[in-house]
Amino acid sequence: MLVEVAADGRPSAVVKLSQTGFYLGTSNVAVPTVEHVYILTDRLDDVEVYQYRQPVSEETG
């Protein structure tokens, strides 16, 4: 996965990925776009580690 970096080469603290597409089944209408948010949490041997953050509506549900 390609991620934008700052001018000095540091990775973003937050990465947002949009997911969209069609599901096979009874509907041929595209589902709404879903945004997934990942937060930079650690660095291991020069590898950035991101953790998925659930939307607030999913955390309380």
PDB file of N, CA and C in Angstrom:
ATOM      1  N   MET A   1       0.843  -1.170   0.000  1.00  0.00           N
ATOM      2  CA  MET A   1       0.000   0.000   0.000  1.00  0.00           C
ATOM      3  C   MET A   1       0.888   1.233   0.000  1.00  0.00           C
ATOM      4  N   LEU A   2       0.640   2.136  -0.901  1.00  0.00           N
ATOM      5  CA  LEU A   2       1.382   3.388  -0.945  1.00  0.00           C
ATOM      6  C   LEU A   2       0.736   4.399  -0.005  1.00  0.00           C
ATOM      7  N   VAL A   3       1.581   5.119   0.751  1.00  0.00           N
ATOM      8  CA  VAL A   3       1.104   6.118   1.699  1.00  0.00           C
ATOM      9  C   VAL A   3       1.905   7.392   1.475  1.00  0.00           C
ATOM     10  N   GLU A   4       1.206   8.532   1.442  1.00  0.00           N
ATOM     11  CA  GLU A   4       1.911   9.812   1.301  1.00  0.00           C
ATOM     12  C   GLU A   4       2.802  10.056   2.503  1.00  0.00           C
ATOM     13  N   VAL A   5       3.935  10.684   2.245  1.00  0.00           N
ATOM     14  CA  VAL A   5       4.850  11.043   3.325  1.00  0.00           C
ATOM     15  C   VAL A   5       5.052  12.553   3.321  1.00  0.00           C
ATOM     16  N   ALA A   6       5.579  13.067   4.429  1.00  0.00           N
ATOM     17  CA  ALA A   6       5.884  14.492   4.536  1.00  0.00           C
ATOM     18  C   ALA A   6       7.104  14.808   3.666  1.00  0.00           C
ATOM     19  N   ALA A   7       7.398  16.084   3.491  1.00  0.00           N
ATOM     20  CA  ALA A   7       8.527  16.511   2.663  1.00  0.00           C
ATOM     21  C   ALA A   7       9.848  15.920   3.152  1.00  0.00           C
ATOM     22  N   ASP A   8       9.962  15.693   4.471  1.00  0.00           N
ATOM     23  CA  ASP A   8      11.201  15.132   5.016  1.00  0.00           C
ATOM     24  C   ASP A   8      11.211  13.608   5.021  1.00  0.00           C
ATOM     25  N   GLY A   9      10.167  12.975   4.444  1.00  0.00           N
ATOM     26  CA  GLY A   9      10.131  11.520   4.327  1.00  0.00           C
ATOM     27  C   GLY A   9       9.432  10.799   5.454  1.00  0.00           C
ATOM     28  N   ARG A  10       8.971  11.535   6.465  1.00  0.00           N
ATOM     29  CA  ARG A  10       8.256  10.885   7.569  1.00  0.00           C
ATOM     30  C   ARG A  10       6.851  10.491   7.119  1.00  0.00           C
ATOM     31  N   PRO A  11       6.342   9.334   7.593  1.00  0.00           N
ATOM     32  CA  PRO A  11       4.986   8.908   7.223  1.00  0.00           C
ATOM     33  C   PRO A  11       3.931   9.726   7.957  1.00  0.00           C
ATOM     34  N   SER A  12       2.735   9.720   7.417  1.00  0.00           N
ATOM     35  CA  SER A  12       1.608  10.402   8.053  1.00  0.00           C
ATOM     36  C   SER A  12       1.260   9.717   9.363  1.00  0.00           C
ATOM     37  N   ALA A  13       0.762  10.495  10.321  1.00  0.00           N
ATOM     38  CA  ALA A  13       0.320   9.926  11.595  1.00  0.00           C
ATOM     39  C   ALA A  13      -1.029   9.234  11.437  1.00  0.00           C
ATOM     40  N   VAL A  14      -1.810   9.673  10.439  1.00  0.00           N
ATOM     41  CA  VAL A  14      -3.128   9.095  10.188  1.00  0.00           C
ATOM     42  C   VAL A  14      -3.241   8.786   8.705  1.00  0.00           C
ATOM     43  N   VAL A  15      -3.721   7.580   8.394  1.00  0.00           N
ATOM     44  CA  VAL A  15      -3.945   7.181   7.004  1.00  0.00           C
ATOM     45  C   VAL A  15      -5.416   6.838   6.863  1.00  0.00           C
ATOM     46  N   LYS A  16      -6.077   7.420   5.858  1.00  0.00           N
ATOM     47  CA  LYS A  16      -7.489   7.141   5.592  1.00  0.00           C
ATOM     48  C   LYS A  16      -7.600   6.448   4.249  1.00  0.00           C
ATOM     49  N   LEU A  17      -8.226   5.275   4.257  1.00  0.00           N
ATOM     50  CA  LEU A  17      -8.414   4.498   3.038  1.00  0.00           C
ATOM     51  C   LEU A  17      -9.902   4.373   2.752  1.00  0.00           C
ATOM     52  N   SER A  18     -10.294   4.659   1.543  1.00  0.00           N
ATOM     53  CA  SER A  18     -11.700   4.521   1.159  1.00  0.00           C
ATOM     54  C   SER A  18     -11.903   3.188   0.458  1.00  0.00           C
ATOM     55  N   GLN A  19     -12.985   2.517   0.794  1.00  0.00           N
ATOM     56  CA  GLN A  19     -13.336   1.242   0.180  1.00  0.00           C
ATOM     57  C   GLN A  19     -14.691   1.394  -0.487  1.00  0.00           C
ATOM     58  N   THR A  20     -14.775   1.007  -1.728  1.00  0.00           N
ATOM     59  CA  THR A  20     -16.034   1.062  -2.439  1.00  0.00           C
ATOM     60  C   THR A  20     -16.100  -0.116  -3.392  1.00  0.00           C
ATOM     61  N   GLY A  21     -17.274  -0.443  -3.849  1.00  0.00           N
ATOM     62  CA  GLY A  21     -17.385  -1.544  -4.793  1.00  0.00           C
ATOM     63  C   GLY A  21     -18.796  -2.060  -4.892  1.00  0.00           C
ATOM     64  N   PHE A  22     -18.937  -3.122  -5.636  1.00  0.00           N
ATOM     65  CA  PHE A  22     -20.216  -3.798  -5.814  1.00  0.00           C
ATOM     66  C   PHE A  22     -20.194  -5.112  -5.056  1.00  0.00           C
ATOM     67  N   TYR A  23     -21.329  -5.512  -4.542  1.00  0.00           N
ATOM     68  CA  TYR A  23     -21.470  -6.833  -3.946  1.00  0.00           C
ATOM     69  C   TYR A  23     -22.313  -7.672  -4.880  1.00  0.00           C
ATOM     70  N   LEU A  24     -21.932  -8.904  -5.064  1.00  0.00           N
ATOM     71  CA  LEU A  24     -22.726  -9.796  -5.893  1.00  0.00           C
ATOM     72  C   LEU A  24     -23.924 -10.262  -5.085  1.00  0.00           C
ATOM     73  N   GLY A  25     -25.058 -10.284  -5.690  1.00  0.00           N
ATOM     74  CA  GLY A  25     -26.257 -10.720  -4.984  1.00  0.00           C
ATOM     75  C   GLY A  25     -27.487 -10.161  -5.642  1.00  0.00           C
ATOM     76  N   THR A  26     -28.480  -9.831  -4.831  1.00  0.00           N
ATOM     77  CA  THR A  26     -29.760  -9.393  -5.372  1.00  0.00           C
ATOM     78  C   THR A  26     -29.751  -7.954  -5.851  1.00  0.00           C
ATOM     79  N   SER A  27     -28.717  -7.179  -5.510  1.00  0.00           N
ATOM     80  CA  SER A  27     -28.670  -5.781  -5.916  1.00  0.00           C
ATOM     81  C   SER A  27     -27.475  -5.533  -6.816  1.00  0.00           C
ATOM     82  N   ASN A  28     -27.661  -4.732  -7.840  1.00  0.00           N
ATOM     83  CA  ASN A  28     -26.539  -4.371  -8.694  1.00  0.00           C
ATOM     84  C   ASN A  28     -26.158  -2.910  -8.510  1.00  0.00           C
ATOM     85  N   VAL A  29     -26.490  -2.358  -7.355  1.00  0.00           N
ATOM     86  CA  VAL A  29     -26.199  -0.969  -7.029  1.00  0.00           C
ATOM     87  C   VAL A  29     -24.965  -0.926  -6.128  1.00  0.00           C
ATOM     88  N   ALA A  30     -24.062  -0.019  -6.431  1.00  0.00           N
ATOM     89  CA  ALA A  30     -22.855   0.107  -5.607  1.00  0.00           C
ATOM     90  C   ALA A  30     -23.214   0.507  -4.186  1.00  0.00           C
ATOM     91  N   VAL A  31     -22.504  -0.073  -3.247  1.00  0.00           N
ATOM     92  CA  VAL A  31     -22.723   0.274  -1.842  1.00  0.00           C
ATOM     93  C   VAL A  31     -22.009   1.592  -1.549  1.00  0.00           C
ATOM     94  N   PRO A  32     -22.415   2.317  -0.504  1.00  0.00           N
ATOM     95  CA  PRO A  32     -21.748   3.578  -0.166  1.00  0.00           C
ATOM     96  C   PRO A  32     -20.265   3.349   0.175  1.00  0.00           C
ATOM     97  N   THR A  33     -19.456   4.362  -0.073  1.00  0.00           N
ATOM     98  CA  THR A  33     -18.033   4.285   0.252  1.00  0.00           C
ATOM     99  C   THR A  33     -17.862   4.219   1.767  1.00  0.00           C
ATOM    100  N   VAL A  34     -16.942   3.366   2.203  1.00  0.00           N
ATOM    101  CA  VAL A  34     -16.632   3.216   3.624  1.00  0.00           C
ATOM    102  C   VAL A  34     -15.197   3.693   3.823  1.00  0.00           C
ATOM    103  N   GLU A  35     -14.978   4.562   4.804  1.00  0.00           N
ATOM    104  CA  GLU A  35     -13.636   5.055   5.081  1.00  0.00           C
ATOM    105  C   GLU A  35     -13.048   4.307   6.270  1.00  0.00           C
ATOM    106  N   HIS A  36     -11.840   3.797   6.097  1.00  0.00           N
ATOM    107  CA  HIS A  36     -11.121   3.102   7.165  1.00  0.00           C
ATOM    108  C   HIS A  36      -9.982   4.004   7.614  1.00  0.00           C
ATOM    109  N   VAL A  37      -9.810   4.156   8.928  1.00  0.00           N
ATOM    110  CA  VAL A  37      -8.790   5.046   9.483  1.00  0.00           C
ATOM    111  C   VAL A  37      -7.756   4.215  10.241  1.00  0.00           C
ATOM    112  N   TYR A  38      -6.491   4.467   9.938  1.00  0.00           N
ATOM    113  CA  TYR A  38      -5.375   3.800  10.602  1.00  0.00           C
ATOM    114  C   TYR A  38      -4.496   4.859  11.241  1.00  0.00           C
ATOM    115  N   ILE A  39      -4.055   4.603  12.495  1.00  0.00           N
ATOM    116  CA  ILE A  39      -3.245   5.538  13.264  1.00  0.00           C
ATOM    117  C   ILE A  39      -1.836   4.941  13.423  1.00  0.00           C
ATOM    118  N   LEU A  40      -0.814   5.756  13.180  1.00  0.00           N
ATOM    119  CA  LEU A  40       0.566   5.323  13.378  1.00  0.00           C
ATOM    120  C   LEU A  40       0.792   5.098  14.873  1.00  0.00           C
ATOM    121  N   THR A  41       1.107   3.872  15.268  1.00  0.00           N
ATOM    122  CA  THR A  41       1.236   3.555  16.690  1.00  0.00           C
ATOM    123  C   THR A  41       2.648   3.188  17.130  1.00  0.00           C
ATOM    124  N   ASP A  42       3.494   2.756  16.183  1.00  0.00           N
ATOM    125  CA  ASP A  42       4.814   2.278  16.590  1.00  0.00           C
ATOM    126  C   ASP A  42       5.733   2.220  15.382  1.00  0.00           C
ATOM    127  N   ARG A  43       7.009   2.042  15.656  1.00  0.00           N
ATOM    128  CA  ARG A  43       8.001   1.770  14.605  1.00  0.00           C
ATOM    129  C   ARG A  43       8.845   0.598  15.071  1.00  0.00           C
ATOM    130  N   LEU A  44       8.960  -0.418  14.247  1.00  0.00           N
ATOM    131  CA  LEU A  44       9.757  -1.604  14.558  1.00  0.00           C
ATOM    132  C   LEU A  44      10.777  -1.802  13.450  1.00  0.00           C
ATOM    133  N   ASP A  45      12.053  -1.680  13.794  1.00  0.00           N
ATOM    134  CA  ASP A  45      13.129  -1.859  12.804  1.00  0.00           C
ATOM    135  C   ASP A  45      12.874  -1.035  11.552  1.00  0.00           C
ATOM    136  N   ASP A  46      12.582   0.239  11.707  1.00  0.00           N
ATOM    137  CA  ASP A  46      12.333   1.173  10.603  1.00  0.00           C
ATOM    138  C   ASP A  46      11.080   0.855   9.796  1.00  0.00           C
ATOM    139  N   VAL A  47      10.166   0.075  10.346  1.00  0.00           N
ATOM    140  CA  VAL A  47       8.880  -0.223   9.704  1.00  0.00           C
ATOM    141  C   VAL A  47       7.788   0.429  10.531  1.00  0.00           C
ATOM    142  N   GLU A  48       6.969   1.249   9.882  1.00  0.00           N
ATOM    143  CA  GLU A  48       5.886   1.919  10.584  1.00  0.00           C
ATOM    144  C   GLU A  48       4.744   0.942  10.817  1.00  0.00           C
ATOM    145  N   VAL A  49       4.179   0.962  12.026  1.00  0.00           N
ATOM    146  CA  VAL A  49       3.080   0.070  12.396  1.00  0.00           C
ATOM    147  C   VAL A  49       1.829   0.923  12.606  1.00  0.00           C
ATOM    148  N   TYR A  50       0.781   0.625  11.840  1.00  0.00           N
ATOM    149  CA  TYR A  50      -0.484   1.343  11.940  1.00  0.00           C
ATOM    150  C   TYR A  50      -1.529   0.440  12.572  1.00  0.00           C
ATOM    151  N   GLN A  51      -2.432   1.030  13.348  1.00  0.00           N
ATOM    152  CA  GLN A  51      -3.514   0.292  13.999  1.00  0.00           C
ATOM    153  C   GLN A  51      -4.850   0.837  13.502  1.00  0.00           C
ATOM    154  N   TYR A  52      -5.749  -0.083  13.165  1.00  0.00           N
ATOM    155  CA  TYR A  52      -7.080   0.292  12.690  1.00  0.00           C
ATOM    156  C   TYR A  52      -7.877   0.910  13.824  1.00  0.00           C
ATOM    157  N   ARG A  53      -8.569   2.000  13.544  1.00  0.00           N
ATOM    158  CA  ARG A  53      -9.454   2.640  14.515  1.00  0.00           C
ATOM    159  C   ARG A  53     -10.881   2.515  14.028  1.00  0.00           C
ATOM    160  N   GLN A  54     -11.715   1.866  14.828  1.00  0.00           N
ATOM    161  CA  GLN A  54     -13.116   1.707  14.463  1.00  0.00           C
ATOM    162  C   GLN A  54     -13.848   3.036  14.579  1.00  0.00           C
ATOM    163  N   PRO A  55     -14.824   3.262  13.703  1.00  0.00           N
ATOM    164  CA  PRO A  55     -15.645   4.464  13.854  1.00  0.00           C
ATOM    165  C   PRO A  55     -16.355   4.442  15.203  1.00  0.00           C
ATOM    166  N   VAL A  56     -16.636   5.606  15.740  1.00  0.00           N
ATOM    167  CA  VAL A  56     -17.286   5.723  17.053  1.00  0.00           C
ATOM    168  C   VAL A  56     -18.603   4.935  17.066  1.00  0.00           C
ATOM    169  N   SER A  57     -19.364   4.958  15.984  1.00  0.00           N
ATOM    170  CA  SER A  57     -20.651   4.251  15.939  1.00  0.00           C
ATOM    171  C   SER A  57     -20.474   2.754  16.106  1.00  0.00           C
ATOM    172  N   GLU A  58     -19.346   2.163  15.675  1.00  0.00           N
ATOM    173  CA  GLU A  58     -19.091   0.742  15.825  1.00  0.00           C
ATOM    174  C   GLU A  58     -18.565   0.400  17.206  1.00  0.00           C
ATOM    175  N   GLU A  59     -17.836   1.329  17.840  1.00  0.00           N
ATOM    176  CA  GLU A  59     -17.282   1.067  19.163  1.00  0.00           C
ATOM    177  C   GLU A  59     -18.376   0.949  20.209  1.00  0.00           C
ATOM    178  N   THR A  60     -19.421   1.752  20.092  1.00  0.00           N
ATOM    179  CA  THR A  60     -20.482   1.750  21.107  1.00  0.00           C
ATOM    180  C   THR A  60     -21.580   0.757  20.795  1.00  0.00           C
ATOM    181  N   GLY A  61     -21.600   0.214  19.558  1.00  0.00           N
ATOM    182  CA  GLY A  61     -22.666  -0.686  19.144  1.00  0.00           C
ATOM    183  C   GLY A  61     -22.496  -2.012  19.683  1.00  0.00           C
TER     184      GLY A  61
END
